[in-house]
Protein backbone atom coordinates (compact mmCIF):
# COMPACT_ATOMS: atom_id res chain seq x y z
CA MET A 1 126.48 8.11 -74.80
CA LYS A 2 126.14 9.39 -71.09
CA THR A 3 124.13 12.29 -71.69
CA ILE A 4 121.51 10.17 -73.66
CA ASN A 5 121.29 7.89 -70.78
CA THR A 6 120.94 10.92 -68.49
CA LEU A 7 118.33 12.40 -70.54
CA VAL A 8 116.43 9.03 -70.40
CA SER A 9 116.71 8.95 -66.98
CA ILE A 10 115.65 12.17 -66.15
CA ALA A 11 112.26 11.38 -68.76
CA MET A 12 111.83 8.33 -66.12
CA ILE A 13 111.95 9.92 -63.06
CA ALA A 14 109.82 12.65 -64.35
CA GLY A 15 106.99 10.10 -65.04
CA LEU A 16 107.44 8.82 -61.78
CA THR A 17 106.65 11.56 -60.14
CA ALA A 18 103.69 12.12 -61.86
CA CYS A 19 102.34 8.53 -59.62
CA VAL A 20 103.46 9.72 -56.30
CA THR A 21 99.82 11.69 -55.63
CA PRO A 22 96.93 11.43 -57.56
CA SER A 23 96.21 13.64 -60.49
CA GLN A 24 93.55 16.87 -59.27
CA PRO A 25 90.14 16.87 -60.39
CA ALA A 26 89.22 19.94 -62.85
CA GLN A 27 88.74 22.87 -61.75
CA GLN A 28 85.19 23.04 -62.31
CA ASP A 29 84.43 19.38 -60.84
CA VAL A 30 85.95 21.18 -56.90
CA CYS A 31 83.57 21.64 -54.62
CA ASP A 32 83.47 25.98 -53.48
CA LEU A 33 80.10 26.45 -51.85
CA GLU A 34 80.63 29.77 -52.62
CA LYS A 35 80.46 29.59 -56.46
CA GLN A 36 77.56 27.39 -55.68
CA LEU A 37 78.42 25.09 -58.81
CA THR A 38 75.86 22.54 -59.85
CA SER A 39 78.24 19.49 -59.38
CA CYS A 40 79.95 19.17 -56.53
CA HIS A 41 81.58 15.60 -55.60
CA TYR A 42 84.84 16.68 -54.80
CA PHE A 43 85.63 18.47 -51.63
CA GLY A 44 89.21 20.21 -51.09
CA GLN A 45 91.13 20.34 -47.82
CA GLN A 46 89.23 23.68 -46.75
CA THR A 47 85.98 23.05 -48.18
CA PRO A 48 83.53 21.71 -45.45
CA TYR A 49 81.70 18.49 -46.42
CA ASN A 50 77.86 18.72 -45.91
CA ARG A 51 75.86 16.17 -47.42
CA LYS A 52 72.87 17.67 -47.88
CA VAL A 53 74.90 20.49 -49.42
CA SER A 54 76.43 17.93 -52.04
CA ALA A 55 72.81 16.19 -52.46
CA VAL A 56 71.36 19.15 -53.71
CA THR A 57 73.73 20.85 -56.17
CA SER A 58 74.10 17.51 -58.04
CA ASN A 59 73.11 17.31 -61.39
CA HIS A 60 71.56 13.60 -60.74
CA THR A 61 69.91 14.20 -57.36
CA THR A 62 66.78 12.10 -57.07
CA PHE A 63 65.68 11.85 -53.43
CA PRO A 64 63.77 8.85 -52.21
CA THR A 65 60.43 9.13 -52.86
CA ALA A 66 57.76 7.30 -50.43
CA PRO A 67 55.64 4.34 -51.83
CA ILE A 68 51.77 5.49 -52.87
CA PHE A 69 49.73 4.20 -50.60
CA GLY A 70 46.37 5.35 -52.73
CA ASN A 71 43.47 5.91 -50.80
CA LYS A 72 44.24 3.41 -48.16
CA ALA A 73 43.25 3.71 -44.24
CA MET A 74 45.63 5.26 -42.17
CA ILE A 75 45.33 3.19 -38.76
CA VAL A 76 47.48 4.38 -35.73
CA ASP A 77 46.21 1.58 -32.98
CA THR A 78 48.82 -1.08 -33.71
CA GLU A 79 47.25 -4.07 -30.95
CA GLN A 80 45.93 -6.75 -33.50
CA ALA A 81 46.26 -10.30 -33.26
CA LEU A 82 48.89 -12.50 -34.29
CA SER A 83 47.47 -14.65 -37.52
CA LEU A 84 48.86 -17.33 -38.68
CA SER A 85 51.93 -17.81 -41.42
CA VAL A 86 53.87 -20.66 -42.93
CA GLY A 87 55.75 -22.97 -40.54
CA ASP A 88 54.01 -21.40 -37.36
CA LYS A 89 53.32 -24.35 -35.12
CA ILE A 90 50.12 -24.78 -32.83
CA SER A 91 48.74 -27.46 -30.67
CA ILE A 92 44.84 -28.07 -31.06
CA LYS A 93 43.16 -30.18 -28.45
CA ILE A 94 39.46 -30.77 -28.96
CA LEU A 95 37.37 -31.99 -25.22
CA ASN A 96 35.82 -35.72 -25.63
CA GLY A 97 37.30 -35.52 -29.28
CA GLU A 98 41.05 -36.52 -28.81
CA GLU A 99 40.77 -38.79 -31.83
CA PHE A 100 40.75 -34.88 -33.64
CA SER A 101 43.45 -33.54 -31.75
CA LYS A 102 47.06 -32.98 -33.04
CA ASP A 103 50.08 -30.61 -33.11
CA VAL A 104 50.17 -29.33 -37.03
CA GLU A 105 52.33 -27.07 -39.14
CA VAL A 106 50.79 -24.58 -41.02
CA ASP A 107 52.23 -25.87 -44.52
CA ALA A 108 53.65 -24.50 -47.70
CA ASP A 109 50.39 -23.96 -48.81
CA GLY A 110 48.80 -22.48 -45.87
CA ASN A 111 46.79 -25.54 -44.34
CA ILE A 112 46.81 -27.77 -41.63
CA TYR A 113 45.25 -31.12 -41.13
CA LEU A 114 43.79 -32.89 -38.54
CA PRO A 115 42.58 -36.75 -38.43
CA TYR A 116 39.28 -37.19 -40.04
CA LEU A 117 38.69 -33.81 -40.96
CA PRO A 118 39.46 -32.45 -44.74
CA ALA A 119 42.14 -29.48 -45.17
CA ILE A 120 41.90 -26.46 -43.00
CA ALA A 121 43.36 -23.20 -44.68
CA ALA A 122 44.84 -21.62 -41.63
CA LYS A 123 47.56 -19.39 -43.28
CA GLY A 124 46.31 -15.64 -42.33
CA LEU A 125 43.91 -16.66 -39.40
CA THR A 126 44.05 -15.75 -35.87
CA LEU A 127 43.82 -18.13 -33.24
CA ALA A 128 40.06 -17.12 -32.41
CA GLN A 129 39.46 -17.22 -35.82
CA LEU A 130 40.84 -20.92 -36.65
CA ASN A 131 39.04 -22.02 -33.23
CA GLN A 132 35.36 -20.77 -34.67
CA LEU A 133 36.22 -22.46 -38.10
CA ILE A 134 37.30 -26.28 -36.73
CA ASN A 135 34.56 -25.46 -34.51
CA ASP A 136 31.95 -25.08 -37.27
CA LEU A 137 33.51 -27.77 -39.29
CA LEU A 138 33.09 -30.40 -36.70
CA ILE A 139 29.43 -29.74 -36.60
CA ASP A 140 28.79 -29.54 -40.65
CA GLU A 141 31.27 -32.83 -40.67
CA ASN A 142 28.39 -34.73 -38.21
CA LEU A 143 31.27 -35.55 -35.84
CA MET A 144 30.41 -33.68 -32.97
CA LEU A 145 27.21 -31.83 -31.53
CA SER A 146 27.42 -27.60 -31.42
CA HIS A 147 26.91 -27.41 -27.41
CA ALA A 148 29.55 -30.33 -26.78
CA VAL A 149 32.30 -28.43 -28.98
CA ARG A 150 35.24 -27.71 -26.70
CA ILE A 151 38.61 -27.02 -28.42
CA SER A 152 41.64 -25.13 -27.08
CA ILE A 153 44.30 -24.02 -29.39
CA LEU A 154 47.65 -22.72 -28.27
CA PRO A 155 50.77 -21.66 -30.17
CA ILE A 156 54.27 -23.76 -30.15
CA SER A 157 56.20 -22.07 -31.89
CA TRP A 158 56.06 -19.14 -34.28
CA ALA A 159 58.10 -19.37 -37.89
CA PRO A 160 60.46 -17.22 -39.37
CA ILE A 161 58.76 -15.12 -42.12
CA GLU A 162 59.73 -12.92 -45.13
CA ILE A 163 59.22 -9.28 -45.10
CA THR A 164 60.11 -6.13 -47.20
CA THR A 165 61.78 -3.13 -46.62
CA SER A 166 61.85 0.07 -48.36
CA GLY A 167 62.58 3.84 -48.23
CA ALA A 168 65.91 4.76 -46.11
CA VAL A 169 67.59 1.77 -44.76
CA PHE A 170 70.79 0.62 -46.12
CA GLU A 171 69.58 -2.68 -47.73
CA PRO A 172 65.87 -2.34 -48.83
CA GLY A 173 64.60 -5.42 -50.29
CA GLN A 174 63.57 -9.22 -49.19
CA HIS A 175 64.72 -10.00 -45.72
CA MET A 176 63.85 -13.32 -43.59
CA ILE A 177 63.27 -12.28 -39.64
CA ASN A 178 62.65 -14.41 -36.60
CA LYS A 179 65.52 -17.14 -37.86
CA LYS A 180 65.92 -19.40 -35.03
CA LEU A 181 69.45 -20.66 -33.62
CA PRO A 182 69.60 -24.63 -33.85
CA ILE A 183 69.78 -24.55 -29.37
CA GLU A 184 66.35 -22.84 -30.01
CA LEU A 185 64.68 -25.04 -32.28
CA LYS A 186 65.15 -28.14 -29.74
CA ASP A 187 62.81 -25.93 -27.38
CA ASP A 188 60.22 -26.42 -29.89
CA GLY A 189 59.76 -30.03 -28.81
CA SER A 190 59.52 -29.27 -25.02
CA ASN A 191 56.16 -30.10 -23.23
CA PHE A 192 55.37 -26.05 -22.90
CA ALA A 193 52.83 -23.82 -24.96
CA GLY A 194 53.90 -20.30 -26.38
CA ASP A 195 56.40 -18.54 -28.15
CA GLN A 196 57.77 -14.95 -27.38
CA ALA A 197 58.83 -13.96 -31.21
CA ILE A 198 60.76 -11.14 -30.29
CA LYS A 199 62.43 -11.14 -33.54
CA ARG A 200 59.54 -10.48 -35.67
CA SER A 201 59.36 -6.58 -34.32
CA VAL A 202 59.84 -3.58 -36.89
CA GLY A 203 62.95 -2.82 -34.98
CA SER A 204 64.22 -6.60 -35.92
CA ALA A 205 62.68 -5.67 -39.63
CA VAL A 206 64.66 -2.49 -39.83
CA LYS A 207 67.94 -4.02 -38.47
CA SER A 208 67.81 -7.04 -41.28
CA SER A 209 67.57 -4.32 -43.72
CA GLY A 210 71.18 -3.38 -42.84
CA GLY A 211 69.53 -0.30 -40.19
CA VAL A 212 68.20 2.85 -40.75
CA ARG A 213 70.45 5.45 -42.91
CA PRO A 214 71.09 8.90 -40.75
CA ASP A 215 68.46 10.59 -43.18
CA ALA A 216 65.56 8.22 -41.90
CA ASP A 217 62.45 10.09 -40.30
CA ILE A 218 62.05 7.27 -37.59
CA SER A 219 58.97 8.96 -36.04
CA ALA A 220 56.77 7.95 -38.79
CA ILE A 221 58.08 4.70 -39.88
CA LYS A 222 54.74 2.91 -42.12
CA VAL A 223 53.64 -0.81 -41.64
CA ILE A 224 51.77 -2.01 -44.65
CA ARG A 225 49.37 -5.21 -44.01
CA ASP A 226 46.49 -6.05 -46.50
CA GLY A 227 45.70 -2.46 -47.46
CA GLN A 228 46.46 -1.12 -43.93
CA VAL A 229 48.73 1.54 -42.89
CA PHE A 230 50.20 1.44 -39.54
CA ASN A 231 52.27 4.71 -38.26
CA MET A 232 55.20 3.93 -35.78
CA ASP A 233 57.05 6.27 -33.93
CA LEU A 234 60.16 4.49 -32.67
CA ARG A 235 62.27 7.64 -31.83
CA GLY A 236 61.84 6.31 -28.27
CA MET A 237 64.41 3.36 -29.18
CA LEU A 238 67.25 5.71 -28.97
CA THR A 239 65.78 8.39 -26.17
CA GLY A 240 64.89 5.33 -23.98
CA GLU A 241 61.31 6.61 -23.95
CA LYS A 242 57.92 3.95 -24.50
CA VAL A 243 57.70 2.86 -28.01
CA PRO A 244 54.54 1.12 -29.75
CA SER A 245 55.17 -2.73 -30.04
CA MET A 246 53.80 -4.66 -32.92
CA THR A 247 54.70 -8.32 -33.96
CA LEU A 248 55.20 -8.55 -37.58
CA MET A 249 53.33 -11.17 -39.95
CA ALA A 250 54.27 -12.43 -43.63
CA GLY A 251 53.80 -10.37 -45.99
CA ASP A 252 54.35 -6.90 -43.90
CA HIS A 253 55.53 -4.02 -45.88
CA ILE A 254 57.96 -1.83 -43.66
CA HIS A 255 58.76 1.77 -45.22
CA VAL A 256 60.98 3.87 -43.60
CA PRO A 257 60.62 7.80 -44.70
CA SER A 258 63.61 10.10 -45.62
CA THR A 259 63.85 13.73 -43.96
CA HIS A 260 65.93 14.95 -46.62
CA SER A 261 68.45 15.63 -44.22
CA PHE A 262 71.54 14.20 -42.65
CA ASN A 263 71.22 13.21 -39.40
CA ASP A 264 74.81 12.46 -37.14
CA GLN A 265 72.40 11.28 -33.96
CA LEU A 266 71.08 8.42 -35.87
CA ALA A 267 75.11 7.54 -36.64
CA ARG A 268 75.46 5.26 -33.54
CA PRO A 269 74.77 1.10 -32.45
CA SER A 270 71.25 1.12 -31.52
CA GLN A 271 68.09 -1.62 -32.11
CA LEU A 272 67.21 0.19 -35.26
CA THR A 273 71.08 1.00 -36.73
CA ALA A 274 74.01 -1.81 -37.44
CA PRO A 275 76.02 -2.36 -34.19
CA GLY A 276 79.48 -2.08 -36.91
CA ILE A 277 80.48 -0.88 -40.11
CA ARG A 278 82.77 -2.28 -42.63
CA VAL A 279 85.23 0.02 -44.44
CA PHE A 280 88.12 -0.06 -46.86
CA MET A 281 91.46 1.25 -46.46
CA SER A 282 95.07 1.52 -48.32
CA ASN A 283 97.94 3.15 -46.43
CA LEU A 284 100.81 2.32 -48.37
CA THR A 285 104.12 4.31 -49.49
CA GLN A 286 104.90 0.99 -51.63
CA PRO A 287 102.95 -1.52 -52.87
CA ALA A 288 102.78 -4.34 -50.31
CA SER A 289 102.56 -8.12 -51.19
CA SER A 290 99.90 -8.61 -47.97
CA ASN A 291 98.22 -6.66 -45.84
CA SER A 292 99.77 -7.25 -42.70
CA GLN A 293 102.75 -5.69 -43.80
CA SER A 294 101.03 -2.31 -43.87
CA ALA A 295 99.52 -3.31 -40.49
CA VAL A 296 96.07 -3.00 -41.65
CA ASP A 297 94.35 -6.06 -40.70
CA ARG A 298 90.52 -7.40 -40.87
CA GLU A 299 89.96 -5.68 -37.53
CA ALA A 300 91.40 -2.80 -38.67
CA THR A 301 88.60 -1.72 -40.96
CA ARG A 302 85.55 -2.74 -38.51
CA PHE A 303 84.67 0.37 -36.86
CA PRO A 304 81.98 0.75 -34.21
CA TYR A 305 78.84 2.64 -36.05
CA GLY A 306 79.12 6.58 -36.13
CA THR A 307 82.98 6.48 -36.38
CA ARG A 308 84.58 9.28 -37.90
CA LEU A 309 87.34 9.90 -40.46
CA LEU A 310 89.82 10.70 -38.03
CA ASN A 311 89.25 7.91 -36.18
CA GLY A 312 89.43 5.84 -39.27
CA ALA A 313 92.57 7.50 -40.45
CA ILE A 314 93.98 6.69 -36.93
CA ALA A 315 93.53 2.89 -37.49
CA ALA A 316 94.89 3.09 -40.88
CA ASN A 317 98.18 4.34 -39.32
CA CYS A 318 97.91 7.72 -41.10
CA VAL A 319 98.42 9.94 -37.97
CA GLY A 320 101.49 10.24 -35.99
CA GLY A 321 105.22 9.85 -36.89
CA ALA A 322 108.07 12.54 -37.07
CA GLN A 323 106.31 15.54 -37.12
CA THR A 324 108.67 17.72 -39.67
CA THR A 325 108.90 14.47 -42.32
CA ASN A 326 106.14 12.47 -41.66
CA ALA A 327 102.86 14.32 -40.35
CA SER A 328 102.01 16.21 -42.92
CA ARG A 329 99.82 13.64 -44.81
CA TYR A 330 96.80 13.65 -46.18
CA VAL A 331 93.73 11.43 -46.38
CA ILE A 332 90.91 10.78 -49.01
CA LEU A 333 87.63 9.57 -48.14
CA VAL A 334 85.23 7.67 -50.62
CA THR A 335 81.88 7.90 -49.57
CA LYS A 336 78.24 7.18 -50.91
CA ASN A 337 76.14 9.81 -50.13
CA PRO A 338 72.55 8.60 -49.12
CA LEU A 339 70.79 11.85 -49.85
CA SER A 340 72.08 11.59 -54.04
CA ASN A 341 73.09 8.19 -54.13
CA GLN A 342 75.70 9.72 -55.66
CA ILE A 343 79.93 9.14 -54.92
CA ASP A 344 81.55 11.79 -52.77
CA ILE A 345 85.25 12.46 -52.75
CA VAL A 346 86.55 13.99 -49.46
CA GLU A 347 89.98 14.86 -49.37
CA ARG A 348 91.80 16.29 -45.59
CA SER A 349 95.19 17.19 -44.71
CA ILE A 350 95.99 14.91 -41.19
CA ASP A 351 96.78 18.12 -39.45
CA GLY A 352 93.95 20.01 -40.85
CA LEU A 353 92.07 17.12 -39.32
CA ILE A 354 93.70 17.12 -36.17
CA GLN A 355 92.80 20.51 -35.75
CA SER A 356 89.21 20.80 -36.42
CA ALA A 357 88.24 17.34 -35.36
CA TRP A 358 85.51 18.87 -33.40
CA ASN A 359 83.72 20.30 -36.70
CA ASP A 360 81.42 17.93 -38.06
CA GLN A 361 81.92 19.27 -41.63
CA SER A 362 85.58 18.66 -41.36
CA ASN A 363 85.54 15.25 -39.63
CA PRO A 364 82.31 13.49 -41.50
CA VAL A 365 81.11 10.18 -40.13
CA LEU A 366 82.16 7.50 -41.87
CA LEU A 367 79.09 5.00 -43.51
CA PRO A 368 79.33 1.47 -44.47
CA GLY A 369 81.56 0.57 -47.59
CA ASP A 370 83.35 3.77 -47.20
CA GLY A 371 86.86 3.73 -48.54
CA LEU A 372 90.11 5.29 -47.01
CA ALA A 373 93.52 6.66 -48.84
CA CYS A 374 95.87 8.36 -47.20
CA TYR A 375 99.07 9.82 -48.82
CA ASP A 376 102.01 10.52 -47.60
CA SER A 377 104.31 14.06 -46.56
CA ARG A 378 105.95 15.83 -49.59
CA VAL A 379 108.95 15.12 -47.63
CA THR A 380 108.34 11.26 -47.79
CA ASN A 381 107.75 11.76 -51.43
CA MET A 382 110.82 13.81 -52.09
CA ARG A 383 112.46 10.80 -50.43
CA GLU A 384 110.56 7.94 -52.86
CA ILE A 385 111.89 10.19 -55.72
CA ALA A 386 115.79 10.66 -54.65
CA ARG A 387 115.56 6.80 -53.85
CA THR A 388 114.02 5.97 -57.47
CA VAL A 389 117.04 8.77 -59.04
CA THR A 390 119.79 6.39 -57.08
CA GLU A 391 117.98 3.39 -58.51
CA LEU A 392 117.61 4.40 -61.87
CA VAL A 393 120.43 6.92 -62.28
CA VAL A 394 123.31 4.65 -60.96
CA PRO A 395 122.70 1.48 -63.03
CA THR A 396 122.59 3.92 -66.05
CA THR A 397 125.82 5.36 -65.02
CA LEU A 398 127.28 1.81 -64.80
CA ILE A 399 125.46 0.92 -68.49
CA GLY A 400 127.47 4.24 -69.64
CA TRP A 401 130.87 3.12 -68.22
CA LEU A 402 130.70 0.14 -69.86
């Protein structure tokens, strides 16, 4: 009976030891740059991690492509008068025609309404074009003489607008920009005209899309408006040089082309990138009932953009401890490669990571949504096995004596 109990305990222990560390991937799936494998997504401890190499060697690589613009004209000059969008507020004053004067807002149909006049389609018009339209309307309706018409149109506030983005940004799609805080909305009723609309810029539109990815070509950003393409070189936002300015309008589309190469210099806070990122991490020797027990709180998972793997491992409490028993741990990085849109797994020993922290391919930059998982040293694993043996064998022995 005792022999049977002992064999059962050994079998249970053998099963538990398989849960101490994750199963290694198949040999053909492990990245080996010397063998030039066709599918490379698991980078072992000694294999440099290069996101471009991973994307090129992937069987499923589909690099993002620029949209097709056909034969549309390429226009470099970005100086254009701002046109009206839905929600814009303007003040219209007519000399000797106070009964027609009014502060108006462009409605959902793109119209404005002045007393005694039919609906005026203002959406998409500049202030000068609207001025001429009202002038002609007053004359056509026989409300004023042509030589007596004097119109003043002043902007009060520029409304939030919807734009679309594509290309090398983290969150392409439709976005609302120039949204105002409640304190800013109160200013709309003040007795002054004009609105800066600083959040209707290309930089704000890109940042509302999660910021540019590290493979973005910020020297050739394109703004597409009504069949026209405006080229924008925004490298000065990172270097401090002068950059072109352009106020966006509703319906504009911003495309950020990809260089198909990972540029670490774009992985930092700026007007074109996110100020910080959120990652997911796990550092548990044993399952815990709450994150606070493992000292991984909400703040520990938020980093400035540009943080590298070693810093993330430190935040996850993976680094440090007794040199002989706990220091030789290793960390797993789960990251989505923006060049290939595939998941890459990077394994690094803590000791090796510290010794080569200066190497970009050993200590890669963390991206939004990355995951970190720490695994214990062999000594810690053996200690856990011994503890499991004690917890299983001793009760089994007692049962055998009974």
